[in-house]
Amino acid sequence: MAVMAREEWTAPDLNQLSAQVDVGFKEMRTEFKAVRGEVKEEIQAVRGEIKEEIQAVRGEIGQVRAEMVQLRSDMNAFHRSVIQLVWGIVGTVFLGFMGTIAALFSLV
């Protein structure tokens, strides 16, 4: 549908148009405020959820750190045990050779 252009505007027409424009802007402002309020609420809710998740992750990181400290302690204890076992075997072999040499000298 083609819109016909007006050639002349009268004062009442302009006043009516101005009033309609003002009403439209008031409605837009009201809608924008409502949307802005909703967005703020959503952002606050998301921030709250993020904070909760961060706290949960921090707690889990603390647990992982504690487990790593325990694991290091266990590995150090195992390392000490292996070293003691190796030195025990080396000592036993050395004493065995020494006993063999002593037995050989006692035969001579």
PDB file of N, CA and C in Angstrom:
ATOM      1  N   MET A   1       0.847  -1.157   0.000  1.00  0.00           N
ATOM      2  CA  MET A   1       0.000   0.000   0.000  1.00  0.00           C
ATOM      3  C   MET A   1       0.896   1.225   0.000  1.00  0.00           C
ATOM      4  N   ALA A   2       0.671   2.119  -0.857  1.00  0.00           N
ATOM      5  CA  ALA A   2       1.482   3.331  -0.982  1.00  0.00           C
ATOM      6  C   ALA A   2       1.020   4.358   0.026  1.00  0.00           C
ATOM      7  N   VAL A   3       1.997   5.017   0.612  1.00  0.00           N
ATOM      8  CA  VAL A   3       1.679   6.063   1.578  1.00  0.00           C
ATOM      9  C   VAL A   3       1.749   7.396   0.855  1.00  0.00           C
ATOM     10  N   MET A   4       0.703   8.148   1.019  1.00  0.00           N
ATOM     11  CA  MET A   4       0.692   9.456   0.348  1.00  0.00           C
ATOM     12  C   MET A   4       1.348  10.472   1.261  1.00  0.00           C
ATOM     13  N   ALA A   5       2.183  11.287   0.703  1.00  0.00           N
ATOM     14  CA  ALA A   5       2.862  12.324   1.476  1.00  0.00           C
ATOM     15  C   ALA A   5       1.928  13.507   1.650  1.00  0.00           C
ATOM     16  N   ARG A   6       1.975  14.067   2.821  1.00  0.00           N
ATOM     17  CA  ARG A   6       1.165  15.254   3.071  1.00  0.00           C
ATOM     18  C   ARG A   6       1.912  16.474   2.572  1.00  0.00           C
ATOM     19  N   GLU A   7       1.199  17.347   2.047  1.00  0.00           N
ATOM     20  CA  GLU A   7       1.842  18.565   1.570  1.00  0.00           C
ATOM     21  C   GLU A   7       1.779  19.639   2.625  1.00  0.00           C
ATOM     22  N   GLU A   8       0.784  19.579   3.466  1.00  0.00           N
ATOM     23  CA  GLU A   8       0.661  20.600   4.509  1.00  0.00           C
ATOM     24  C   GLU A   8       0.348  19.923   5.832  1.00  0.00           C
ATOM     25  N   TRP A   9       0.989  20.411   6.870  1.00  0.00           N
ATOM     26  CA  TRP A   9       0.718  19.939   8.217  1.00  0.00           C
ATOM     27  C   TRP A   9       0.048  21.066   8.968  1.00  0.00           C
ATOM     28  N   THR A  10      -1.001  20.711   9.687  1.00  0.00           N
ATOM     29  CA  THR A  10      -1.663  21.735  10.495  1.00  0.00           C
ATOM     30  C   THR A  10      -1.177  21.599  11.927  1.00  0.00           C
ATOM     31  N   ALA A  11      -1.380  22.611  12.700  1.00  0.00           N
ATOM     32  CA  ALA A  11      -0.939  22.610  14.093  1.00  0.00           C
ATOM     33  C   ALA A  11      -1.561  21.449  14.868  1.00  0.00           C
ATOM     34  N   PRO A  12      -2.839  21.164  14.754  1.00  0.00           N
ATOM     35  CA  PRO A  12      -3.410  20.024  15.475  1.00  0.00           C
ATOM     36  C   PRO A  12      -2.789  18.700  15.033  1.00  0.00           C
ATOM     37  N   ASP A  13      -2.493  18.568  13.718  1.00  0.00           N
ATOM     38  CA  ASP A  13      -1.851  17.342  13.241  1.00  0.00           C
ATOM     39  C   ASP A  13      -0.474  17.176  13.876  1.00  0.00           C
ATOM     40  N   LEU A  14       0.286  18.257  13.903  1.00  0.00           N
ATOM     41  CA  LEU A  14       1.622  18.211  14.494  1.00  0.00           C
ATOM     42  C   LEU A  14       1.553  17.925  15.989  1.00  0.00           C
ATOM     43  N   ASN A  15       0.585  18.522  16.666  1.00  0.00           N
ATOM     44  CA  ASN A  15       0.413  18.268  18.099  1.00  0.00           C
ATOM     45  C   ASN A  15       0.064  16.802  18.352  1.00  0.00           C
ATOM     46  N   GLN A  16      -0.832  16.253  17.509  1.00  0.00           N
ATOM     47  CA  GLN A  16      -1.217  14.849  17.661  1.00  0.00           C
ATOM     48  C   GLN A  16      -0.004  13.942  17.394  1.00  0.00           C
ATOM     49  N   LEU A  17       0.751  14.247  16.347  1.00  0.00           N
ATOM     50  CA  LEU A  17       1.942  13.457  16.029  1.00  0.00           C
ATOM     51  C   LEU A  17       2.956  13.542  17.161  1.00  0.00           C
ATOM     52  N   SER A  18       3.141  14.740  17.706  1.00  0.00           N
ATOM     53  CA  SER A  18       4.082  14.923  18.821  1.00  0.00           C
ATOM     54  C   SER A  18       3.642  14.106  20.031  1.00  0.00           C
ATOM     55  N   ALA A  19       2.348  14.110  20.306  1.00  0.00           N
ATOM     56  CA  ALA A  19       1.827  13.346  21.442  1.00  0.00           C
ATOM     57  C   ALA A  19       2.040  11.851  21.216  1.00  0.00           C
ATOM     58  N   GLN A  20       1.819  11.384  19.997  1.00  0.00           N
ATOM     59  CA  GLN A  20       2.020   9.966  19.695  1.00  0.00           C
ATOM     60  C   GLN A  20       3.496   9.572  19.834  1.00  0.00           C
ATOM     61  N   VAL A  21       4.357  10.480  19.381  1.00  0.00           N
ATOM     62  CA  VAL A  21       5.793  10.211  19.497  1.00  0.00           C
ATOM     63  C   VAL A  21       6.188  10.163  20.972  1.00  0.00           C
ATOM     64  N   ASP A  22       5.677  11.097  21.760  1.00  0.00           N
ATOM     65  CA  ASP A  22       5.990  11.103  23.196  1.00  0.00           C
ATOM     66  C   ASP A  22       5.510   9.820  23.864  1.00  0.00           C
ATOM     67  N   VAL A  23       4.302   9.376  23.534  1.00  0.00           N
ATOM     68  CA  VAL A  23       3.770   8.139  24.105  1.00  0.00           C
ATOM     69  C   VAL A  23       4.653   6.956  23.692  1.00  0.00           C
ATOM     70  N   GLY A  24       5.054   6.945  22.432  1.00  0.00           N
ATOM     71  CA  GLY A  24       5.913   5.863  21.959  1.00  0.00           C
ATOM     72  C   GLY A  24       7.247   5.829  22.697  1.00  0.00           C
ATOM     73  N   PHE A  25       7.840   6.999  22.906  1.00  0.00           N
ATOM     74  CA  PHE A  25       9.112   7.049  23.634  1.00  0.00           C
ATOM     75  C   PHE A  25       8.945   6.647  25.092  1.00  0.00           C
ATOM     76  N   LYS A  26       7.836   7.024  25.713  1.00  0.00           N
ATOM     77  CA  LYS A  26       7.594   6.612  27.099  1.00  0.00           C
ATOM     78  C   LYS A  26       7.471   5.089  27.187  1.00  0.00           C
ATOM     79  N   GLU A  27       6.768   4.502  26.232  1.00  0.00           N
ATOM     80  CA  GLU A  27       6.636   3.054  26.208  1.00  0.00           C
ATOM     81  C   GLU A  27       8.005   2.384  26.020  1.00  0.00           C
ATOM     82  N   MET A  28       8.806   2.950  25.121  1.00  0.00           N
ATOM     83  CA  MET A  28      10.143   2.401  24.891  1.00  0.00           C
ATOM     84  C   MET A  28      10.992   2.505  26.149  1.00  0.00           C
ATOM     85  N   ARG A  29      10.933   3.661  26.821  1.00  0.00           N
ATOM     86  CA  ARG A  29      11.711   3.823  28.054  1.00  0.00           C
ATOM     87  C   ARG A  29      11.286   2.795  29.090  1.00  0.00           C
ATOM     88  N   THR A  30       9.991   2.600  29.225  1.00  0.00           N
ATOM     89  CA  THR A  30       9.483   1.626  30.188  1.00  0.00           C
ATOM     90  C   THR A  30       9.970   0.222  29.834  1.00  0.00           C
ATOM     91  N   GLU A  31       9.891  -0.123  28.559  1.00  0.00           N
ATOM     92  CA  GLU A  31      10.352  -1.446  28.131  1.00  0.00           C
ATOM     93  C   GLU A  31      11.852  -1.598  28.329  1.00  0.00           C
ATOM     94  N   PHE A  32      12.606  -0.550  27.990  1.00  0.00           N
ATOM     95  CA  PHE A  32      14.051  -0.609  28.175  1.00  0.00           C
ATOM     96  C   PHE A  32      14.417  -0.768  29.643  1.00  0.00           C
ATOM     97  N   LYS A  33      13.715  -0.067  30.529  1.00  0.00           N
ATOM     98  CA  LYS A  33      13.982  -0.212  31.964  1.00  0.00           C
ATOM     99  C   LYS A  33      13.682  -1.634  32.420  1.00  0.00           C
ATOM    100  N   ALA A  34      12.588  -2.188  31.931  1.00  0.00           N
ATOM    101  CA  ALA A  34      12.230  -3.558  32.310  1.00  0.00           C
ATOM    102  C   ALA A  34      13.293  -4.539  31.809  1.00  0.00           C
ATOM    103  N   VAL A  35      13.695  -4.377  30.565  1.00  0.00           N
ATOM    104  CA  VAL A  35      14.709  -5.266  30.002  1.00  0.00           C
ATOM    105  C   VAL A  35      16.031  -5.094  30.740  1.00  0.00           C
ATOM    106  N   ARG A  36      16.381  -3.849  31.030  1.00  0.00           N
ATOM    107  CA  ARG A  36      17.618  -3.577  31.755  1.00  0.00           C
ATOM    108  C   ARG A  36      17.588  -4.242  33.133  1.00  0.00           C
ATOM    109  N   GLY A  37      16.430  -4.170  33.794  1.00  0.00           N
ATOM    110  CA  GLY A  37      16.293  -4.825  35.100  1.00  0.00           C
ATOM    111  C   GLY A  37      16.430  -6.338  34.991  1.00  0.00           C
ATOM    112  N   GLU A  38      15.818  -6.918  33.960  1.00  0.00           N
ATOM    113  CA  GLU A  38      15.927  -8.362  33.759  1.00  0.00           C
ATOM    114  C   GLU A  38      17.373  -8.766  33.486  1.00  0.00           C
ATOM    115  N   VAL A  39      18.045  -7.985  32.663  1.00  0.00           N
ATOM    116  CA  VAL A  39      19.443  -8.292  32.333  1.00  0.00           C
ATOM    117  C   VAL A  39      20.301  -8.208  33.593  1.00  0.00           C
ATOM    118  N   LYS A  40      20.081  -7.179  34.406  1.00  0.00           N
ATOM    119  CA  LYS A  40      20.850  -7.052  35.653  1.00  0.00           C
ATOM    120  C   LYS A  40      20.613  -8.251  36.561  1.00  0.00           C
ATOM    121  N   GLU A  41      19.355  -8.680  36.675  1.00  0.00           N
ATOM    122  CA  GLU A  41      19.047  -9.835  37.513  1.00  0.00           C
ATOM    123  C   GLU A  41      19.737 -11.088  36.990  1.00  0.00           C
ATOM    124  N   GLU A  42      19.686 -11.283  35.688  1.00  0.00           N
ATOM    125  CA  GLU A  42      20.328 -12.460  35.090  1.00  0.00           C
ATOM    126  C   GLU A  42      21.839 -12.424  35.308  1.00  0.00           C
ATOM    127  N   ILE A  43      22.422 -11.259  35.124  1.00  0.00           N
ATOM    128  CA  ILE A  43      23.871 -11.125  35.318  1.00  0.00           C
ATOM    129  C   ILE A  43      24.235 -11.428  36.764  1.00  0.00           C
ATOM    130  N   GLN A  44      23.458 -10.919  37.698  1.00  0.00           N
ATOM    131  CA  GLN A  44      23.721 -11.196  39.114  1.00  0.00           C
ATOM    132  C   GLN A  44      23.582 -12.686  39.410  1.00  0.00           C
ATOM    133  N   ALA A  45      22.575 -13.316  38.809  1.00  0.00           N
ATOM    134  CA  ALA A  45      22.396 -14.757  39.022  1.00  0.00           C
ATOM    135  C   ALA A  45      23.583 -15.534  38.452  1.00  0.00           C
ATOM    136  N   VAL A  46      24.024 -15.150  37.263  1.00  0.00           N
ATOM    137  CA  VAL A  46      25.165 -15.828  36.644  1.00  0.00           C
ATOM    138  C   VAL A  46      26.419 -15.606  37.476  1.00  0.00           C
ATOM    139  N   ARG A  47      26.608 -14.390  37.955  1.00  0.00           N
ATOM    140  CA  ARG A  47      27.776 -14.109  38.810  1.00  0.00           C
ATOM    141  C   ARG A  47      27.744 -14.974  40.069  1.00  0.00           C
ATOM    142  N   GLY A  48      26.566 -15.109  40.651  1.00  0.00           N
ATOM    143  CA  GLY A  48      26.446 -15.959  41.840  1.00  0.00           C
ATOM    144  C   GLY A  48      26.800 -17.400  41.541  1.00  0.00           C
ATOM    145  N   GLU A  49      26.308 -17.899  40.401  1.00  0.00           N
ATOM    146  CA  GLU A  49      26.626 -19.274  40.016  1.00  0.00           C
ATOM    147  C   GLU A  49      28.115 -19.439  39.753  1.00  0.00           C
ATOM    148  N   ILE A  50      28.707 -18.450  39.102  1.00  0.00           N
ATOM    149  CA  ILE A  50      30.146 -18.522  38.817  1.00  0.00           C
ATOM    150  C   ILE A  50      30.938 -18.527  40.113  1.00  0.00           C
ATOM    151  N   LYS A  51      30.542 -17.682  41.061  1.00  0.00           N
ATOM    152  CA  LYS A  51      31.248 -17.654  42.349  1.00  0.00           C
ATOM    153  C   LYS A  51      31.148 -19.008  43.048  1.00  0.00           C
ATOM    154  N   GLU A  52      29.959 -19.614  43.015  1.00  0.00           N
ATOM    155  CA  GLU A  52      29.790 -20.927  43.638  1.00  0.00           C
ATOM    156  C   GLU A  52      30.680 -21.972  42.965  1.00  0.00           C
ATOM    157  N   GLU A  53      30.704 -21.936  41.647  1.00  0.00           N
ATOM    158  CA  GLU A  53      31.534 -22.900  40.910  1.00  0.00           C
ATOM    159  C   GLU A  53      33.013 -22.685  41.201  1.00  0.00           C
ATOM    160  N   ILE A  54      33.423 -21.435  41.279  1.00  0.00           N
ATOM    161  CA  ILE A  54      34.830 -21.141  41.578  1.00  0.00           C
ATOM    162  C   ILE A  54      35.186 -21.661  42.967  1.00  0.00           C
ATOM    163  N   GLN A  55      34.304 -21.465  43.925  1.00  0.00           N
ATOM    164  CA  GLN A  55      34.558 -21.967  45.272  1.00  0.00           C
ATOM    165  C   GLN A  55      34.654 -23.495  45.264  1.00  0.00           C
ATOM    166  N   ALA A  56      33.777 -24.132  44.498  1.00  0.00           N
ATOM    167  CA  ALA A  56      33.820 -25.598  44.412  1.00  0.00           C
ATOM    168  C   ALA A  56      35.132 -26.059  43.780  1.00  0.00           C
ATOM    169  N   VAL A  57      35.551 -25.381  42.727  1.00  0.00           N
ATOM    170  CA  VAL A  57      36.808 -25.746  42.062  1.00  0.00           C
ATOM    171  C   VAL A  57      37.980 -25.525  43.005  1.00  0.00           C
ATOM    172  N   ARG A  58      37.958 -24.425  43.745  1.00  0.00           N
ATOM    173  CA  ARG A  58      39.039 -24.171  44.709  1.00  0.00           C
ATOM    174  C   ARG A  58      39.094 -25.268  45.768  1.00  0.00           C
ATOM    175  N   GLY A  59      37.932 -25.717  46.217  1.00  0.00           N
ATOM    176  CA  GLY A  59      37.903 -26.805  47.184  1.00  0.00           C
ATOM    177  C   GLY A  59      38.481 -28.086  46.614  1.00  0.00           C
ATOM    178  N   GLU A  60      38.127 -28.367  45.370  1.00  0.00           N
ATOM    179  CA  GLU A  60      38.659 -29.568  44.724  1.00  0.00           C
ATOM    180  C   GLU A  60      40.169 -29.449  44.504  1.00  0.00           C
ATOM    181  N   ILE A  61      40.630 -28.265  44.169  1.00  0.00           N
ATOM    182  CA  ILE A  61      42.073 -28.055  43.993  1.00  0.00           C
ATOM    183  C   ILE A  61      42.789 -28.295  45.317  1.00  0.00           C
ATOM    184  N   GLY A  62      42.198 -27.836  46.408  1.00  0.00           N
ATOM    185  CA  GLY A  62      42.785 -28.084  47.729  1.00  0.00           C
ATOM    186  C   GLY A  62      42.877 -29.569  48.023  1.00  0.00           C
ATOM    187  N   GLN A  63      41.840 -30.325  47.651  1.00  0.00           N
ATOM    188  CA  GLN A  63      41.869 -31.767  47.855  1.00  0.00           C
ATOM    189  C   GLN A  63      42.940 -32.425  46.997  1.00  0.00           C
ATOM    190  N   VAL A  64      43.068 -31.968  45.764  1.00  0.00           N
ATOM    191  CA  VAL A  64      44.094 -32.533  44.875  1.00  0.00           C
ATOM    192  C   VAL A  64      45.484 -32.244  45.425  1.00  0.00           C
ATOM    193  N   ARG A  65      45.678 -31.026  45.934  1.00  0.00           N
ATOM    194  CA  ARG A  65      46.980 -30.690  46.528  1.00  0.00           C
ATOM    195  C   ARG A  65      47.293 -31.591  47.716  1.00  0.00           C
ATOM    196  N   ALA A  66      46.287 -31.813  48.568  1.00  0.00           N
ATOM    197  CA  ALA A  66      46.498 -32.689  49.721  1.00  0.00           C
ATOM    198  C   ALA A  66      46.846 -34.106  49.266  1.00  0.00           C
ATOM    199  N   GLU A  67      46.157 -34.579  48.224  1.00  0.00           N
ATOM    200  CA  GLU A  67      46.451 -35.914  47.704  1.00  0.00           C
ATOM    201  C   GLU A  67      47.855 -35.971  47.110  1.00  0.00           C
ATOM    202  N   MET A  68      48.277 -34.886  46.452  1.00  0.00           N
ATOM    203  CA  MET A  68      49.630 -34.852  45.873  1.00  0.00           C
ATOM    204  C   MET A  68      50.687 -34.878  46.972  1.00  0.00           C
ATOM    205  N   VAL A  69      50.444 -34.165  48.075  1.00  0.00           N
ATOM    206  CA  VAL A  69      51.388 -34.180  49.195  1.00  0.00           C
ATOM    207  C   VAL A  69      51.487 -35.589  49.758  1.00  0.00           C
ATOM    208  N   GLN A  70      50.346 -36.257  49.907  1.00  0.00           N
ATOM    209  CA  GLN A  70      50.341 -37.631  50.410  1.00  0.00           C
ATOM    210  C   GLN A  70      51.061 -38.561  49.440  1.00  0.00           C
ATOM    211  N   LEU A  71      50.814 -38.377  48.145  1.00  0.00           N
ATOM    212  CA  LEU A  71      51.473 -39.206  47.135  1.00  0.00           C
ATOM    213  C   LEU A  71      52.986 -39.007  47.165  1.00  0.00           C
ATOM    214  N   ARG A  72      53.432 -37.764  47.300  1.00  0.00           N
ATOM    215  CA  ARG A  72      54.876 -37.503  47.400  1.00  0.00           C
ATOM    216  C   ARG A  72      55.471 -38.183  48.624  1.00  0.00           C
ATOM    217  N   SER A  73      54.754 -38.119  49.726  1.00  0.00           N
ATOM    218  CA  SER A  73      55.227 -38.761  50.948  1.00  0.00           C
ATOM    219  C   SER A  73      55.341 -40.273  50.748  1.00  0.00           C
ATOM    220  N   ASP A  74      54.315 -40.863  50.122  1.00  0.00           N
ATOM    221  CA  ASP A  74      54.345 -42.301  49.865  1.00  0.00           C
ATOM    222  C   ASP A  74      55.477 -42.674  48.908  1.00  0.00           C
ATOM    223  N   MET A  75      55.699 -41.860  47.892  1.00  0.00           N
ATOM    224  CA  MET A  75      56.774 -42.139  46.935  1.00  0.00           C
ATOM    225  C   MET A  75      58.142 -42.022  47.598  1.00  0.00           C
ATOM    226  N   ASN A  76      58.305 -41.035  48.465  1.00  0.00           N
ATOM    227  CA  ASN A  76      59.571 -40.891  49.180  1.00  0.00           C
ATOM    228  C   ASN A  76      59.828 -42.095  50.089  1.00  0.00           C
ATOM    229  N   ALA A  77      58.776 -42.566  50.757  1.00  0.00           N
ATOM    230  CA  ALA A  77      58.922 -43.745  51.617  1.00  0.00           C
ATOM    231  C   ALA A  77      59.289 -44.972  50.774  1.00  0.00           C
ATOM    232  N   PHE A  78      58.650 -45.136  49.622  1.00  0.00           N
ATOM    233  CA  PHE A  78      58.976 -46.249  48.737  1.00  0.00           C
ATOM    234  C   PHE A  78      60.421 -46.142  48.239  1.00  0.00           C
ATOM    235  N   HIS A  79      60.827 -44.942  47.900  1.00  0.00           N
ATOM    236  CA  HIS A  79      62.202 -44.718  47.434  1.00  0.00           C
ATOM    237  C   HIS A  79      63.204 -45.116  48.514  1.00  0.00           C
ATOM    238  N   ARG A  80      62.931 -44.711  49.736  1.00  0.00           N
ATOM    239  CA  ARG A  80      63.818 -45.084  50.848  1.00  0.00           C
ATOM    240  C   ARG A  80      63.868 -46.605  51.007  1.00  0.00           C
ATOM    241  N   SER A  81      62.720 -47.255  50.901  1.00  0.00           N
ATOM    242  CA  SER A  81      62.673 -48.711  51.042  1.00  0.00           C
ATOM    243  C   SER A  81      63.472 -49.408  49.942  1.00  0.00           C
ATOM    244  N   VAL A  82      63.362 -48.918  48.719  1.00  0.00           N
ATOM    245  CA  VAL A  82      64.107 -49.510  47.609  1.00  0.00           C
ATOM    246  C   VAL A  82      65.596 -49.325  47.826  1.00  0.00           C
ATOM    247  N   ILE A  83      65.995 -48.139  48.247  1.00  0.00           N
ATOM    248  CA  ILE A  83      67.421 -47.892  48.499  1.00  0.00           C
ATOM    249  C   ILE A  83      67.935 -48.812  49.607  1.00  0.00           C
ATOM    250  N   GLN A  84      67.171 -48.976  50.680  1.00  0.00           N
ATOM    251  CA  GLN A  84      67.579 -49.864  51.763  1.00  0.00           C
ATOM    252  C   GLN A  84      67.687 -51.308  51.272  1.00  0.00           C
ATOM    253  N   LEU A  85      66.746 -51.737  50.443  1.00  0.00           N
ATOM    254  CA  LEU A  85      66.774 -53.085  49.902  1.00  0.00           C
ATOM    255  C   LEU A  85      68.015 -53.296  49.030  1.00  0.00           C
ATOM    256  N   VAL A  86      68.317 -52.332  48.170  1.00  0.00           N
ATOM    257  CA  VAL A  86      69.496 -52.455  47.294  1.00  0.00           C
ATOM    258  C   VAL A  86      70.760 -52.517  48.132  1.00  0.00           C
ATOM    259  N   TRP A  87      70.889 -51.639  49.117  1.00  0.00           N
ATOM    260  CA  TRP A  87      72.081 -51.671  49.969  1.00  0.00           C
ATOM    261  C   TRP A  87      72.163 -52.975  50.767  1.00  0.00           C
ATOM    262  N   GLY A  88      71.032 -53.491  51.153  1.00  0.00           N
ATOM    263  CA  GLY A  88      71.027 -54.783  51.860  1.00  0.00           C
ATOM    264  C   GLY A  88      71.512 -55.904  50.956  1.00  0.00           C
ATOM    265  N   ILE A  89      71.050 -55.898  49.703  1.00  0.00           N
ATOM    266  CA  ILE A  89      71.498 -56.928  48.759  1.00  0.00           C
ATOM    267  C   ILE A  89      72.991 -56.774  48.477  1.00  0.00           C
ATOM    268  N   VAL A  90      73.432 -55.538  48.239  1.00  0.00           N
ATOM    269  CA  VAL A  90      74.862 -55.293  47.983  1.00  0.00           C
ATOM    270  C   VAL A  90      75.690 -55.754  49.180  1.00  0.00           C
ATOM    271  N   GLY A  91      75.256 -55.434  50.378  1.00  0.00           N
ATOM    272  CA  GLY A  91      75.978 -55.843  51.588  1.00  0.00           C
ATOM    273  C   GLY A  91      76.029 -57.351  51.734  1.00  0.00           C
ATOM    274  N   THR A  92      74.892 -58.002  51.454  1.00  0.00           N
ATOM    275  CA  THR A  92      74.843 -59.456  51.559  1.00  0.00           C
ATOM    276  C   THR A  92      75.783 -60.108  50.545  1.00  0.00           C
ATOM    277  N   VAL A  93      75.770 -59.616  49.317  1.00  0.00           N
ATOM    278  CA  VAL A  93      76.664 -60.156  48.289  1.00  0.00           C
ATOM    279  C   VAL A  93      78.115 -59.923  48.698  1.00  0.00           C
ATOM    280  N   PHE A  94      78.425 -58.729  49.186  1.00  0.00           N
ATOM    281  CA  PHE A  94      79.793 -58.408  49.617  1.00  0.00           C
ATOM    282  C   PHE A  94      80.235 -59.336  50.747  1.00  0.00           C
ATOM    283  N   LEU A  95      79.373 -59.520  51.750  1.00  0.00           N
ATOM    284  CA  LEU A  95      79.717 -60.418  52.853  1.00  0.00           C
ATOM    285  C   LEU A  95      79.862 -61.861  52.382  1.00  0.00           C
ATOM    286  N   GLY A  96      79.056 -62.261  51.401  1.00  0.00           N
ATOM    287  CA  GLY A  96      79.177 -63.616  50.841  1.00  0.00           C
ATOM    288  C   GLY A  96      80.536 -63.811  50.173  1.00  0.00           C
ATOM    289  N   PHE A  97      80.958 -62.813  49.383  1.00  0.00           N
ATOM    290  CA  PHE A  97      82.278 -62.900  48.759  1.00  0.00           C
ATOM    291  C   PHE A  97      83.382 -62.895  49.798  1.00  0.00           C
ATOM    292  N   MET A  98      83.228 -62.086  50.805  1.00  0.00           N
ATOM    293  CA  MET A  98      84.227 -62.024  51.872  1.00  0.00           C
ATOM    294  C   MET A  98      84.305 -63.375  52.603  1.00  0.00           C
ATOM    295  N   GLY A  99      83.155 -63.982  52.828  1.00  0.00           N
ATOM    296  CA  GLY A  99      83.128 -65.299  53.479  1.00  0.00           C
ATOM    297  C   GLY A  99      83.786 -66.345  52.604  1.00  0.00           C
ATOM    298  N   THR A 100      83.543 -66.268  51.295  1.00  0.00           N
ATOM    299  CA  THR A 100      84.162 -67.212  50.366  1.00  0.00           C
ATOM    300  C   THR A 100      85.675 -67.042  50.359  1.00  0.00           C
ATOM    301  N   ILE A 101      86.120 -65.795  50.316  1.00  0.00           N
ATOM    302  CA  ILE A 101      87.565 -65.532  50.316  1.00  0.00           C
ATOM    303  C   ILE A 101      88.176 -66.011  51.633  1.00  0.00           C
ATOM    304  N   ALA A 102      87.512 -65.776  52.758  1.00  0.00           N
ATOM    305  CA  ALA A 102      88.020 -66.209  54.058  1.00  0.00           C
ATOM    306  C   ALA A 102      88.093 -67.734  54.112  1.00  0.00           C
ATOM    307  N   ALA A 103      87.093 -68.397  53.539  1.00  0.00           N
ATOM    308  CA  ALA A 103      87.102 -69.868  53.518  1.00  0.00           C
ATOM    309  C   ALA A 103      88.229 -70.384  52.655  1.00  0.00           C
ATOM    310  N   LEU A 104      88.500 -69.730  51.538  1.00  0.00           N
ATOM    311  CA  LEU A 104      89.603 -70.139  50.680  1.00  0.00           C
ATOM    312  C   LEU A 104      90.957 -69.978  51.378  1.00  0.00           C
ATOM    313  N   PHE A 105      91.123 -68.883  52.114  1.00  0.00           N
ATOM    314  CA  PHE A 105      92.367 -68.671  52.836  1.00  0.00           C
ATOM    315  C   PHE A 105      92.516 -69.652  53.995  1.00  0.00           C
ATOM    316  N   SER A 106      91.443 -70.083  54.580  1.00  0.00           N
ATOM    317  CA  SER A 106      91.546 -71.035  55.677  1.00  0.00           C
ATOM    318  C   SER A 106      91.922 -72.432  55.183  1.00  0.00           C
ATOM    319  N   LEU A 107      91.646 -72.692  53.891  1.00  0.00           N
ATOM    320  CA  LEU A 107      92.028 -73.978  53.320  1.00  0.00           C
ATOM    321  C   LEU A 107      93.502 -74.023  52.955  1.00  0.00           C
ATOM    322  N   VAL A 108      94.069 -72.893  52.796  1.00  0.00           N
ATOM    323  CA  VAL A 108      95.479 -72.866  52.351  1.00  0.00           C
ATOM    324  C   VAL A 108      96.425 -73.047  53.476  1.00  0.00           C
TER     325      VAL A 108
END
